[in-house]
Amino acid sequence: MLEDEALGALAALAHPTRLATFRLLVRHEPDGLATGALVAATGLSQSTFSTHLAVLQRAGLVRSEKRGRHFIQRARIDALGVLMLFLARDCCEGRADLCEPLLAELARC
């Protein structure tokens, strides 16, 4: 992942609505959620929510699939993994022992 891509993803997640939406979609993988259900969960208007959703899509964090008459939104777990690796790769200056508590916590999830 390039630094610009990481900055785009982090900027997209730096808004309460977008962060909550992404976290909700992660919890609903692999099935995703219909756009209408996401709009209802946020309490925003369709047009306002669409703006937030577009930011997440441009950042590569969410993808949309058409199923019948509905658009299903899905978190891109692969993009989340790449972002997490980007953030952690250079931390600890290669000392894996410093990252072990984080890995153990992730394993418990």
PDB file of N, CA and C in Angstrom:
ATOM      1  N   MET A   1       0.852  -1.181   0.000  1.00  0.00           N
ATOM      2  CA  MET A   1       0.000   0.000   0.000  1.00  0.00           C
ATOM      3  C   MET A   1       0.886   1.229   0.000  1.00  0.00           C
ATOM      4  N   LEU A   2       0.521   2.167  -0.839  1.00  0.00           N
ATOM      5  CA  LEU A   2       1.241   3.429  -0.898  1.00  0.00           C
ATOM      6  C   LEU A   2       0.725   4.364   0.190  1.00  0.00           C
ATOM      7  N   GLU A   3       1.562   5.295   0.580  1.00  0.00           N
ATOM      8  CA  GLU A   3       1.179   6.231   1.638  1.00  0.00           C
ATOM      9  C   GLU A   3      -0.080   7.007   1.272  1.00  0.00           C
ATOM     10  N   ASP A   4      -0.199   7.438   0.017  1.00  0.00           N
ATOM     11  CA  ASP A   4      -1.397   8.180  -0.405  1.00  0.00           C
ATOM     12  C   ASP A   4      -2.665   7.343  -0.256  1.00  0.00           C
ATOM     13  N   GLU A   5      -2.575   6.053  -0.555  1.00  0.00           N
ATOM     14  CA  GLU A   5      -3.726   5.167  -0.401  1.00  0.00           C
ATOM     15  C   GLU A   5      -4.100   5.016   1.068  1.00  0.00           C
ATOM     16  N   ALA A   6      -3.090   4.883   1.916  1.00  0.00           N
ATOM     17  CA  ALA A   6      -3.341   4.772   3.355  1.00  0.00           C
ATOM     18  C   ALA A   6      -3.980   6.053   3.882  1.00  0.00           C
ATOM     19  N   LEU A   7      -3.476   7.182   3.446  1.00  0.00           N
ATOM     20  CA  LEU A   7      -4.050   8.459   3.882  1.00  0.00           C
ATOM     21  C   LEU A   7      -5.497   8.599   3.423  1.00  0.00           C
ATOM     22  N   GLY A   8      -5.796   8.145   2.215  1.00  0.00           N
ATOM     23  CA  GLY A   8      -7.173   8.196   1.720  1.00  0.00           C
ATOM     24  C   GLY A   8      -8.106   7.326   2.543  1.00  0.00           C
ATOM     25  N   ALA A   9      -7.651   6.125   2.884  1.00  0.00           N
ATOM     26  CA  ALA A   9      -8.475   5.219   3.694  1.00  0.00           C
ATOM     27  C   ALA A   9      -8.663   5.778   5.102  1.00  0.00           C
ATOM     28  N   LEU A  10      -7.602   6.280   5.689  1.00  0.00           N
ATOM     29  CA  LEU A  10      -7.713   6.830   7.037  1.00  0.00           C
ATOM     30  C   LEU A  10      -8.596   8.071   7.056  1.00  0.00           C
ATOM     31  N   ALA A  11      -8.481   8.913   6.030  1.00  0.00           N
ATOM     32  CA  ALA A  11      -9.336  10.100   5.954  1.00  0.00           C
ATOM     33  C   ALA A  11     -10.799   9.700   5.807  1.00  0.00           C
ATOM     34  N   ALA A  12     -11.055   8.662   5.025  1.00  0.00           N
ATOM     35  CA  ALA A  12     -12.433   8.197   4.854  1.00  0.00           C
ATOM     36  C   ALA A  12     -13.007   7.701   6.175  1.00  0.00           C
ATOM     37  N   LEU A  13     -12.197   7.069   6.982  1.00  0.00           N
ATOM     38  CA  LEU A  13     -12.661   6.525   8.261  1.00  0.00           C
ATOM     39  C   LEU A  13     -12.666   7.566   9.383  1.00  0.00           C
ATOM     40  N   ALA A  14     -12.156   8.759   9.100  1.00  0.00           N
ATOM     41  CA  ALA A  14     -12.024   9.788  10.127  1.00  0.00           C
ATOM     42  C   ALA A  14     -13.302  10.603  10.324  1.00  0.00           C
ATOM     43  N   HIS A  15     -14.414  10.065   9.938  1.00  0.00           N
ATOM     44  CA  HIS A  15     -15.716  10.703  10.144  1.00  0.00           C
ATOM     45  C   HIS A  15     -16.610   9.712  10.888  1.00  0.00           C
ATOM     46  N   PRO A  16     -17.325  10.162  11.905  1.00  0.00           N
ATOM     47  CA  PRO A  16     -18.120   9.227  12.717  1.00  0.00           C
ATOM     48  C   PRO A  16     -19.101   8.369  11.918  1.00  0.00           C
ATOM     49  N   THR A  17     -19.803   8.947  10.972  1.00  0.00           N
ATOM     50  CA  THR A  17     -20.771   8.174  10.181  1.00  0.00           C
ATOM     51  C   THR A  17     -20.072   7.127   9.337  1.00  0.00           C
ATOM     52  N   ARG A  18     -18.975   7.508   8.686  1.00  0.00           N
ATOM     53  CA  ARG A  18     -18.275   6.558   7.827  1.00  0.00           C
ATOM     54  C   ARG A  18     -17.612   5.459   8.637  1.00  0.00           C
ATOM     55  N   LEU A  19     -17.038   5.807   9.774  1.00  0.00           N
ATOM     56  CA  LEU A  19     -16.427   4.789  10.628  1.00  0.00           C
ATOM     57  C   LEU A  19     -17.488   3.811  11.126  1.00  0.00           C
ATOM     58  N   ALA A  20     -18.612   4.325  11.588  1.00  0.00           N
ATOM     59  CA  ALA A  20     -19.695   3.454  12.073  1.00  0.00           C
ATOM     60  C   ALA A  20     -20.232   2.573  10.949  1.00  0.00           C
ATOM     61  N   THR A  21     -20.363   3.135   9.755  1.00  0.00           N
ATOM     62  CA  THR A  21     -20.856   2.370   8.606  1.00  0.00           C
ATOM     63  C   THR A  21     -19.888   1.253   8.263  1.00  0.00           C
ATOM     64  N   PHE A  22     -18.604   1.571   8.212  1.00  0.00           N
ATOM     65  CA  PHE A  22     -17.610   0.557   7.877  1.00  0.00           C
ATOM     66  C   PHE A  22     -17.587  -0.548   8.926  1.00  0.00           C
ATOM     67  N   ARG A  23     -17.632  -0.189  10.185  1.00  0.00           N
ATOM     68  CA  ARG A  23     -17.618  -1.188  11.249  1.00  0.00           C
ATOM     69  C   ARG A  23     -18.863  -2.073  11.173  1.00  0.00           C
ATOM     70  N   LEU A  24     -20.002  -1.490  10.859  1.00  0.00           N
ATOM     71  CA  LEU A  24     -21.238  -2.264  10.708  1.00  0.00           C
ATOM     72  C   LEU A  24     -21.112  -3.236   9.544  1.00  0.00           C
ATOM     73  N   LEU A  25     -20.543  -2.778   8.445  1.00  0.00           N
ATOM     74  CA  LEU A  25     -20.369  -3.659   7.295  1.00  0.00           C
ATOM     75  C   LEU A  25     -19.381  -4.789   7.595  1.00  0.00           C
ATOM     76  N   VAL A  26     -18.340  -4.495   8.350  1.00  0.00           N
ATOM     77  CA  VAL A  26     -17.383  -5.543   8.733  1.00  0.00           C
ATOM     78  C   VAL A  26     -18.095  -6.614   9.545  1.00  0.00           C
ATOM     79  N   ARG A  27     -18.975  -6.198  10.450  1.00  0.00           N
ATOM     80  CA  ARG A  27     -19.714  -7.160  11.272  1.00  0.00           C
ATOM     81  C   ARG A  27     -20.684  -7.998  10.439  1.00  0.00           C
ATOM     82  N   HIS A  28     -21.085  -7.506   9.285  1.00  0.00           N
ATOM     83  CA  HIS A  28     -22.048  -8.227   8.447  1.00  0.00           C
ATOM     84  C   HIS A  28     -21.412  -8.925   7.249  1.00  0.00           C
ATOM     85  N   GLU A  29     -20.113  -9.100   7.284  1.00  0.00           N
ATOM     86  CA  GLU A  29     -19.465  -9.881   6.228  1.00  0.00           C
ATOM     87  C   GLU A  29     -19.738 -11.351   6.471  1.00  0.00           C
ATOM     88  N   PRO A  30     -19.895 -12.158   5.461  1.00  0.00           N
ATOM     89  CA  PRO A  30     -19.692 -11.873   4.048  1.00  0.00           C
ATOM     90  C   PRO A  30     -20.965 -11.455   3.314  1.00  0.00           C
ATOM     91  N   ASP A  31     -22.082 -11.351   4.011  1.00  0.00           N
ATOM     92  CA  ASP A  31     -23.350 -11.083   3.325  1.00  0.00           C
ATOM     93  C   ASP A  31     -23.548  -9.622   2.945  1.00  0.00           C
ATOM     94  N   GLY A  32     -22.984  -8.707   3.709  1.00  0.00           N
ATOM     95  CA  GLY A  32     -23.184  -7.290   3.456  1.00  0.00           C
ATOM     96  C   GLY A  32     -24.561  -6.840   3.896  1.00  0.00           C
ATOM     97  N   LEU A  33     -24.863  -5.597   3.618  1.00  0.00           N
ATOM     98  CA  LEU A  33     -26.158  -5.022   3.984  1.00  0.00           C
ATOM     99  C   LEU A  33     -26.696  -4.200   2.822  1.00  0.00           C
ATOM    100  N   ALA A  34     -28.003  -4.203   2.693  1.00  0.00           N
ATOM    101  CA  ALA A  34     -28.636  -3.370   1.681  1.00  0.00           C
ATOM    102  C   ALA A  34     -28.433  -1.901   2.039  1.00  0.00           C
ATOM    103  N   THR A  35     -28.307  -1.093   1.014  1.00  0.00           N
ATOM    104  CA  THR A  35     -28.095   0.341   1.234  1.00  0.00           C
ATOM    105  C   THR A  35     -29.197   0.926   2.101  1.00  0.00           C
ATOM    106  N   GLY A  36     -30.432   0.518   1.870  1.00  0.00           N
ATOM    107  CA  GLY A  36     -31.548   1.022   2.673  1.00  0.00           C
ATOM    108  C   GLY A  36     -31.394   0.728   4.154  1.00  0.00           C
ATOM    109  N   ALA A  37     -30.885  -0.454   4.479  1.00  0.00           N
ATOM    110  CA  ALA A  37     -30.660  -0.805   5.887  1.00  0.00           C
ATOM    111  C   ALA A  37     -29.575   0.078   6.500  1.00  0.00           C
ATOM    112  N   LEU A  38     -28.556   0.399   5.715  1.00  0.00           N
ATOM    113  CA  LEU A  38     -27.499   1.283   6.205  1.00  0.00           C
ATOM    114  C   LEU A  38     -28.023   2.695   6.426  1.00  0.00           C
ATOM    115  N   VAL A  39     -28.841   3.158   5.501  1.00  0.00           N
ATOM    116  CA  VAL A  39     -29.439   4.493   5.652  1.00  0.00           C
ATOM    117  C   VAL A  39     -30.269   4.535   6.933  1.00  0.00           C
ATOM    118  N   ALA A  40     -31.073   3.505   7.136  1.00  0.00           N
ATOM    119  CA  ALA A  40     -31.905   3.454   8.347  1.00  0.00           C
ATOM    120  C   ALA A  40     -31.056   3.417   9.607  1.00  0.00           C
ATOM    121  N   ALA A  41     -29.957   2.679   9.575  1.00  0.00           N
ATOM    122  CA  ALA A  41     -29.087   2.567  10.749  1.00  0.00           C
ATOM    123  C   ALA A  41     -28.434   3.899  11.103  1.00  0.00           C
ATOM    124  N   THR A  42     -28.164   4.726  10.100  1.00  0.00           N
ATOM    125  CA  THR A  42     -27.503   6.003  10.370  1.00  0.00           C
ATOM    126  C   THR A  42     -28.485   7.099  10.723  1.00  0.00           C
ATOM    127  N   GLY A  43     -29.726   6.958  10.271  1.00  0.00           N
ATOM    128  CA  GLY A  43     -30.702   8.012  10.510  1.00  0.00           C
ATOM    129  C   GLY A  43     -30.535   9.213   9.595  1.00  0.00           C
ATOM    130  N   LEU A  44     -29.674   9.090   8.596  1.00  0.00           N
ATOM    131  CA  LEU A  44     -29.437  10.186   7.660  1.00  0.00           C
ATOM    132  C   LEU A  44     -30.391  10.077   6.471  1.00  0.00           C
ATOM    133  N   SER A  45     -30.468  11.145   5.712  1.00  0.00           N
ATOM    134  CA  SER A  45     -31.234  11.078   4.463  1.00  0.00           C
ATOM    135  C   SER A  45     -30.456  10.229   3.465  1.00  0.00           C
ATOM    136  N   GLN A  46     -31.149   9.715   2.465  1.00  0.00           N
ATOM    137  CA  GLN A  46     -30.518   8.892   1.433  1.00  0.00           C
ATOM    138  C   GLN A  46     -29.383   9.653   0.748  1.00  0.00           C
ATOM    139  N   SER A  47     -29.618  10.920   0.415  1.00  0.00           N
ATOM    140  CA  SER A  47     -28.600  11.678  -0.316  1.00  0.00           C
ATOM    141  C   SER A  47     -27.372  11.957   0.548  1.00  0.00           C
ATOM    142  N   THR A  48     -27.578  12.272   1.809  1.00  0.00           N
ATOM    143  CA  THR A  48     -26.438  12.511   2.699  1.00  0.00           C
ATOM    144  C   THR A  48     -25.648  11.231   2.899  1.00  0.00           C
ATOM    145  N   PHE A  49     -26.363  10.122   3.106  1.00  0.00           N
ATOM    146  CA  PHE A  49     -25.660   8.855   3.293  1.00  0.00           C
ATOM    147  C   PHE A  49     -24.898   8.467   2.035  1.00  0.00           C
ATOM    148  N   SER A  50     -25.480   8.698   0.875  1.00  0.00           N
ATOM    149  CA  SER A  50     -24.815   8.356  -0.381  1.00  0.00           C
ATOM    150  C   SER A  50     -23.478   9.069  -0.524  1.00  0.00           C
ATOM    151  N   THR A  51     -23.414  10.287  -0.036  1.00  0.00           N
ATOM    152  CA  THR A  51     -22.152  11.032  -0.070  1.00  0.00           C
ATOM    153  C   THR A  51     -21.104  10.327   0.776  1.00  0.00           C
ATOM    154  N   HIS A  52     -21.477   9.901   1.968  1.00  0.00           N
ATOM    155  CA  HIS A  52     -20.545   9.187   2.848  1.00  0.00           C
ATOM    156  C   HIS A  52     -20.133   7.851   2.232  1.00  0.00           C
ATOM    157  N   LEU A  53     -21.091   7.149   1.666  1.00  0.00           N
ATOM    158  CA  LEU A  53     -20.803   5.859   1.047  1.00  0.00           C
ATOM    159  C   LEU A  53     -19.827   6.018  -0.119  1.00  0.00           C
ATOM    160  N   ALA A  54     -19.994   7.074  -0.893  1.00  0.00           N
ATOM    161  CA  ALA A  54     -19.091   7.327  -2.025  1.00  0.00           C
ATOM    162  C   ALA A  54     -17.658   7.554  -1.550  1.00  0.00           C
ATOM    163  N   VAL A  55     -17.495   8.208  -0.423  1.00  0.00           N
ATOM    164  CA  VAL A  55     -16.146   8.427   0.121  1.00  0.00           C
ATOM    165  C   VAL A  55     -15.506   7.090   0.479  1.00  0.00           C
ATOM    166  N   LEU A  56     -16.271   6.217   1.129  1.00  0.00           N
ATOM    167  CA  LEU A  56     -15.749   4.895   1.490  1.00  0.00           C
ATOM    168  C   LEU A  56     -15.422   4.067   0.251  1.00  0.00           C
ATOM    169  N   GLN A  57     -16.242   4.174  -0.779  1.00  0.00           N
ATOM    170  CA  GLN A  57     -15.988   3.433  -2.014  1.00  0.00           C
ATOM    171  C   GLN A  57     -14.745   3.950  -2.723  1.00  0.00           C
ATOM    172  N   ARG A  58     -14.594   5.284  -2.815  1.00  0.00           N
ATOM    173  CA  ARG A  58     -13.403   5.854  -3.460  1.00  0.00           C
ATOM    174  C   ARG A  58     -12.126   5.473  -2.723  1.00  0.00           C
ATOM    175  N   ALA A  59     -12.218   5.316  -1.422  1.00  0.00           N
ATOM    176  CA  ALA A  59     -11.053   4.921  -0.628  1.00  0.00           C
ATOM    177  C   ALA A  59     -10.771   3.421  -0.751  1.00  0.00           C
ATOM    178  N   GLY A  60     -11.649   2.693  -1.427  1.00  0.00           N
ATOM    179  CA  GLY A  60     -11.449   1.263  -1.626  1.00  0.00           C
ATOM    180  C   GLY A  60     -11.821   0.413  -0.432  1.00  0.00           C
ATOM    181  N   LEU A  61     -12.610   0.958   0.483  1.00  0.00           N
ATOM    182  CA  LEU A  61     -12.974   0.231   1.700  1.00  0.00           C
ATOM    183  C   LEU A  61     -14.311  -0.494   1.587  1.00  0.00           C
ATOM    184  N   VAL A  62     -15.150  -0.072   0.647  1.00  0.00           N
ATOM    185  CA  VAL A  62     -16.488  -0.643   0.487  1.00  0.00           C
ATOM    186  C   VAL A  62     -16.728  -0.882  -1.000  1.00  0.00           C
ATOM    187  N   ARG A  63     -17.437  -1.969  -1.282  1.00  0.00           N
ATOM    188  CA  ARG A  63     -17.848  -2.226  -2.663  1.00  0.00           C
ATOM    189  C   ARG A  63     -19.349  -2.501  -2.679  1.00  0.00           C
ATOM    190  N   SER A  64     -19.938  -2.232  -3.810  1.00  0.00           N
ATOM    191  CA  SER A  64     -21.372  -2.374  -3.973  1.00  0.00           C
ATOM    192  C   SER A  64     -21.650  -3.512  -4.954  1.00  0.00           C
ATOM    193  N   GLU A  65     -22.660  -4.320  -4.640  1.00  0.00           N
ATOM    194  CA  GLU A  65     -23.088  -5.411  -5.520  1.00  0.00           C
ATOM    195  C   GLU A  65     -24.585  -5.286  -5.743  1.00  0.00           C
ATOM    196  N   LYS A  66     -25.014  -5.455  -6.969  1.00  0.00           N
ATOM    197  CA  LYS A  66     -26.446  -5.423  -7.250  1.00  0.00           C
ATOM    198  C   LYS A  66     -27.000  -6.836  -7.116  1.00  0.00           C
ATOM    199  N   ARG A  67     -28.011  -6.975  -6.262  1.00  0.00           N
ATOM    200  CA  ARG A  67     -28.719  -8.247  -6.097  1.00  0.00           C
ATOM    201  C   ARG A  67     -30.202  -7.982  -6.299  1.00  0.00           C
ATOM    202  N   GLY A  68     -30.681  -8.386  -7.434  1.00  0.00           N
ATOM    203  CA  GLY A  68     -32.085  -8.109  -7.737  1.00  0.00           C
ATOM    204  C   GLY A  68     -32.308  -6.611  -7.836  1.00  0.00           C
ATOM    205  N   ARG A  69     -33.244  -6.116  -7.044  1.00  0.00           N
ATOM    206  CA  ARG A  69     -33.542  -4.680  -7.058  1.00  0.00           C
ATOM    207  C   ARG A  69     -32.711  -3.900  -6.055  1.00  0.00           C
ATOM    208  N   HIS A  70     -31.906  -4.590  -5.263  1.00  0.00           N
ATOM    209  CA  HIS A  70     -31.176  -3.942  -4.172  1.00  0.00           C
ATOM    210  C   HIS A  70     -29.691  -3.844  -4.468  1.00  0.00           C
ATOM    211  N   PHE A  71     -29.092  -2.815  -3.900  1.00  0.00           N
ATOM    212  CA  PHE A  71     -27.639  -2.716  -3.894  1.00  0.00           C
ATOM    213  C   PHE A  71     -27.172  -3.131  -2.514  1.00  0.00           C
ATOM    214  N   ILE A  72     -26.273  -4.089  -2.480  1.00  0.00           N
ATOM    215  CA  ILE A  72     -25.715  -4.596  -1.229  1.00  0.00           C
ATOM    216  C   ILE A  72     -24.323  -4.008  -1.077  1.00  0.00           C
ATOM    217  N   GLN A  73     -24.073  -3.439   0.077  1.00  0.00           N
ATOM    218  CA  GLN A  73     -22.769  -2.856   0.371  1.00  0.00           C
ATOM    219  C   GLN A  73     -21.968  -3.857   1.197  1.00  0.00           C
ATOM    220  N   ARG A  74     -20.705  -4.002   0.828  1.00  0.00           N
ATOM    221  CA  ARG A  74     -19.837  -4.945   1.537  1.00  0.00           C
ATOM    222  C   ARG A  74     -18.522  -4.278   1.876  1.00  0.00           C
ATOM    223  N   ALA A  75     -18.046  -4.565   3.067  1.00  0.00           N
ATOM    224  CA  ALA A  75     -16.719  -4.097   3.475  1.00  0.00           C
ATOM    225  C   ALA A  75     -15.674  -4.879   2.705  1.00  0.00           C
ATOM    226  N   ARG A  76     -14.632  -4.205   2.288  1.00  0.00           N
ATOM    227  CA  ARG A  76     -13.522  -4.883   1.620  1.00  0.00           C
ATOM    228  C   ARG A  76     -12.522  -5.278   2.704  1.00  0.00           C
ATOM    229  N   ILE A  77     -12.678  -6.485   3.205  1.00  0.00           N
ATOM    230  CA  ILE A  77     -11.823  -6.984   4.276  1.00  0.00           C
ATOM    231  C   ILE A  77     -10.365  -7.041   3.822  1.00  0.00           C
ATOM    232  N   ASP A  78     -10.148  -7.341   2.539  1.00  0.00           N
ATOM    233  CA  ASP A  78      -8.784  -7.358   2.025  1.00  0.00           C
ATOM    234  C   ASP A  78      -8.140  -5.982   2.144  1.00  0.00           C
ATOM    235  N   ALA A  79      -8.892  -4.917   1.870  1.00  0.00           N
ATOM    236  CA  ALA A  79      -8.361  -3.564   1.984  1.00  0.00           C
ATOM    237  C   ALA A  79      -8.084  -3.215   3.443  1.00  0.00           C
ATOM    238  N   LEU A  80      -8.942  -3.670   4.344  1.00  0.00           N
ATOM    239  CA  LEU A  80      -8.714  -3.454   5.773  1.00  0.00           C
ATOM    240  C   LEU A  80      -7.416  -4.126   6.199  1.00  0.00           C
ATOM    241  N   GLY A  81      -7.196  -5.353   5.744  1.00  0.00           N
ATOM    242  CA  GLY A  81      -5.968  -6.072   6.081  1.00  0.00           C
ATOM    243  C   GLY A  81      -4.735  -5.361   5.569  1.00  0.00           C
ATOM    244  N   VAL A  82      -4.801  -4.863   4.340  1.00  0.00           N
ATOM    245  CA  VAL A  82      -3.660  -4.146   3.765  1.00  0.00           C
ATOM    246  C   VAL A  82      -3.377  -2.881   4.562  1.00  0.00           C
ATOM    247  N   LEU A  83      -4.424  -2.164   4.942  1.00  0.00           N
ATOM    248  CA  LEU A  83      -4.247  -0.952   5.738  1.00  0.00           C
ATOM    249  C   LEU A  83      -3.635  -1.271   7.095  1.00  0.00           C
ATOM    250  N   MET A  84      -4.130  -2.312   7.742  1.00  0.00           N
ATOM    251  CA  MET A  84      -3.589  -2.691   9.050  1.00  0.00           C
ATOM    252  C   MET A  84      -2.120  -3.090   8.939  1.00  0.00           C
ATOM    253  N   LEU A  85      -1.786  -3.830   7.898  1.00  0.00           N
ATOM    254  CA  LEU A  85      -0.384  -4.202   7.702  1.00  0.00           C
ATOM    255  C   LEU A  85       0.479  -2.985   7.416  1.00  0.00           C
ATOM    256  N   PHE A  86      -0.034  -2.048   6.644  1.00  0.00           N
ATOM    257  CA  PHE A  86       0.702  -0.823   6.367  1.00  0.00           C
ATOM    258  C   PHE A  86       1.003  -0.084   7.670  1.00  0.00           C
ATOM    259  N   LEU A  87       0.004   0.002   8.544  1.00  0.00           N
ATOM    260  CA  LEU A  87       0.181   0.727   9.799  1.00  0.00           C
ATOM    261  C   LEU A  87       1.150   0.022  10.736  1.00  0.00           C
ATOM    262  N   ALA A  88       1.124  -1.298  10.732  1.00  0.00           N
ATOM    263  CA  ALA A  88       1.930  -2.052  11.698  1.00  0.00           C
ATOM    264  C   ALA A  88       3.303  -2.466  11.171  1.00  0.00           C
ATOM    265  N   ARG A  89       3.483  -2.467   9.860  1.00  0.00           N
ATOM    266  CA  ARG A  89       4.707  -3.014   9.280  1.00  0.00           C
ATOM    267  C   ARG A  89       5.962  -2.346   9.831  1.00  0.00           C
ATOM    268  N   ASP A  90       5.988  -1.047   9.880  1.00  0.00           N
ATOM    269  CA  ASP A  90       7.194  -0.353  10.295  1.00  0.00           C
ATOM    270  C   ASP A  90       7.204  -0.018  11.779  1.00  0.00           C
ATOM    271  N   CYS A  91       6.115  -0.283  12.446  1.00  0.00           N
ATOM    272  CA  CYS A  91       6.092   0.031  13.870  1.00  0.00           C
ATOM    273  C   CYS A  91       6.983  -0.959  14.612  1.00  0.00           C
ATOM    274  N   CYS A  92       7.469  -0.581  15.689  1.00  0.00           N
ATOM    275  CA  CYS A  92       8.273  -1.447  16.548  1.00  0.00           C
ATOM    276  C   CYS A  92       9.643  -1.749  15.945  1.00  0.00           C
ATOM    277  N   GLU A  93       9.983  -1.109  14.829  1.00  0.00           N
ATOM    278  CA  GLU A  93      11.290  -1.280  14.187  1.00  0.00           C
ATOM    279  C   GLU A  93      11.678  -2.743  14.036  1.00  0.00           C
ATOM    280  N   GLY A  94      10.702  -3.535  13.597  1.00  0.00           N
ATOM    281  CA  GLY A  94      10.977  -4.939  13.333  1.00  0.00           C
ATOM    282  C   GLY A  94      10.974  -5.827  14.562  1.00  0.00           C
ATOM    283  N   ARG A  95      10.635  -5.290  15.719  1.00  0.00           N
ATOM    284  CA  ARG A  95      10.593  -6.087  16.951  1.00  0.00           C
ATOM    285  C   ARG A  95       9.208  -6.702  17.089  1.00  0.00           C
ATOM    286  N   ALA A  96       9.092  -7.919  16.614  1.00  0.00           N
ATOM    287  CA  ALA A  96       7.804  -8.615  16.613  1.00  0.00           C
ATOM    288  C   ALA A  96       7.231  -8.772  18.020  1.00  0.00           C
ATOM    289  N   ASP A  97       8.089  -8.868  19.016  1.00  0.00           N
ATOM    290  CA  ASP A  97       7.602  -9.057  20.387  1.00  0.00           C
ATOM    291  C   ASP A  97       6.729  -7.881  20.848  1.00  0.00           C
ATOM    292  N   LEU A  98       6.968  -6.693  20.299  1.00  0.00           N
ATOM    293  CA  LEU A  98       6.159  -5.541  20.676  1.00  0.00           C
ATOM    294  C   LEU A  98       4.767  -5.594  20.058  1.00  0.00           C
ATOM    295  N   CYS A  99       4.626  -6.322  18.973  1.00  0.00           N
ATOM    296  CA  CYS A  99       3.323  -6.445  18.304  1.00  0.00           C
ATOM    297  C   CYS A  99       2.547  -7.673  18.767  1.00  0.00           C
ATOM    298  N   GLU A 100       3.174  -8.552  19.501  1.00  0.00           N
ATOM    299  CA  GLU A 100       2.499  -9.778  19.934  1.00  0.00           C
ATOM    300  C   GLU A 100       1.221  -9.529  20.725  1.00  0.00           C
ATOM    301  N   PRO A 101       1.168  -8.540  21.637  1.00  0.00           N
ATOM    302  CA  PRO A 101      -0.110  -8.300  22.334  1.00  0.00           C
ATOM    303  C   PRO A 101      -1.245  -7.934  21.372  1.00  0.00           C
ATOM    304  N   LEU A 102      -0.929  -7.177  20.339  1.00  0.00           N
ATOM    305  CA  LEU A 102      -1.939  -6.821  19.349  1.00  0.00           C
ATOM    306  C   LEU A 102      -2.411  -8.055  18.603  1.00  0.00           C
ATOM    307  N   LEU A 103      -1.493  -8.890  18.188  1.00  0.00           N
ATOM    308  CA  LEU A 103      -1.851 -10.118  17.480  1.00  0.00           C
ATOM    309  C   LEU A 103      -2.687 -11.040  18.355  1.00  0.00           C
ATOM    310  N   ALA A 104      -2.333 -11.135  19.629  1.00  0.00           N
ATOM    311  CA  ALA A 104      -3.088 -11.980  20.551  1.00  0.00           C
ATOM    312  C   ALA A 104      -4.517 -11.443  20.721  1.00  0.00           C
ATOM    313  N   GLU A 105      -4.647 -10.122  20.795  1.00  0.00           N
ATOM    314  CA  GLU A 105      -5.979  -9.520  20.921  1.00  0.00           C
ATOM    315  C   GLU A 105      -6.816  -9.777  19.670  1.00  0.00           C
ATOM    316  N   LEU A 106      -6.208  -9.657  18.504  1.00  0.00           N
ATOM    317  CA  LEU A 106      -6.908  -9.947  17.252  1.00  0.00           C
ATOM    318  C   LEU A 106      -7.344 -11.410  17.186  1.00  0.00           C
ATOM    319  N   ALA A 107      -6.509 -12.302  17.671  1.00  0.00           N
ATOM    320  CA  ALA A 107      -6.835 -13.731  17.656  1.00  0.00           C
ATOM    321  C   ALA A 107      -8.053 -14.020  18.545  1.00  0.00           C
ATOM    322  N   ARG A 108      -8.233 -13.265  19.626  1.00  0.00           N
ATOM    323  CA  ARG A 108      -9.383 -13.456  20.509  1.00  0.00           C
ATOM    324  C   ARG A 108     -10.677 -12.982  19.870  1.00  0.00           C
ATOM    325  N   CYS A 109     -10.574 -12.085  18.913  1.00  0.00           N
ATOM    326  CA  CYS A 109     -11.784 -11.570  18.242  1.00  0.00           C
ATOM    327  C   CYS A 109     -12.336 -12.657  17.378  1.00  0.00           C
TER     328      CYS A 109
END
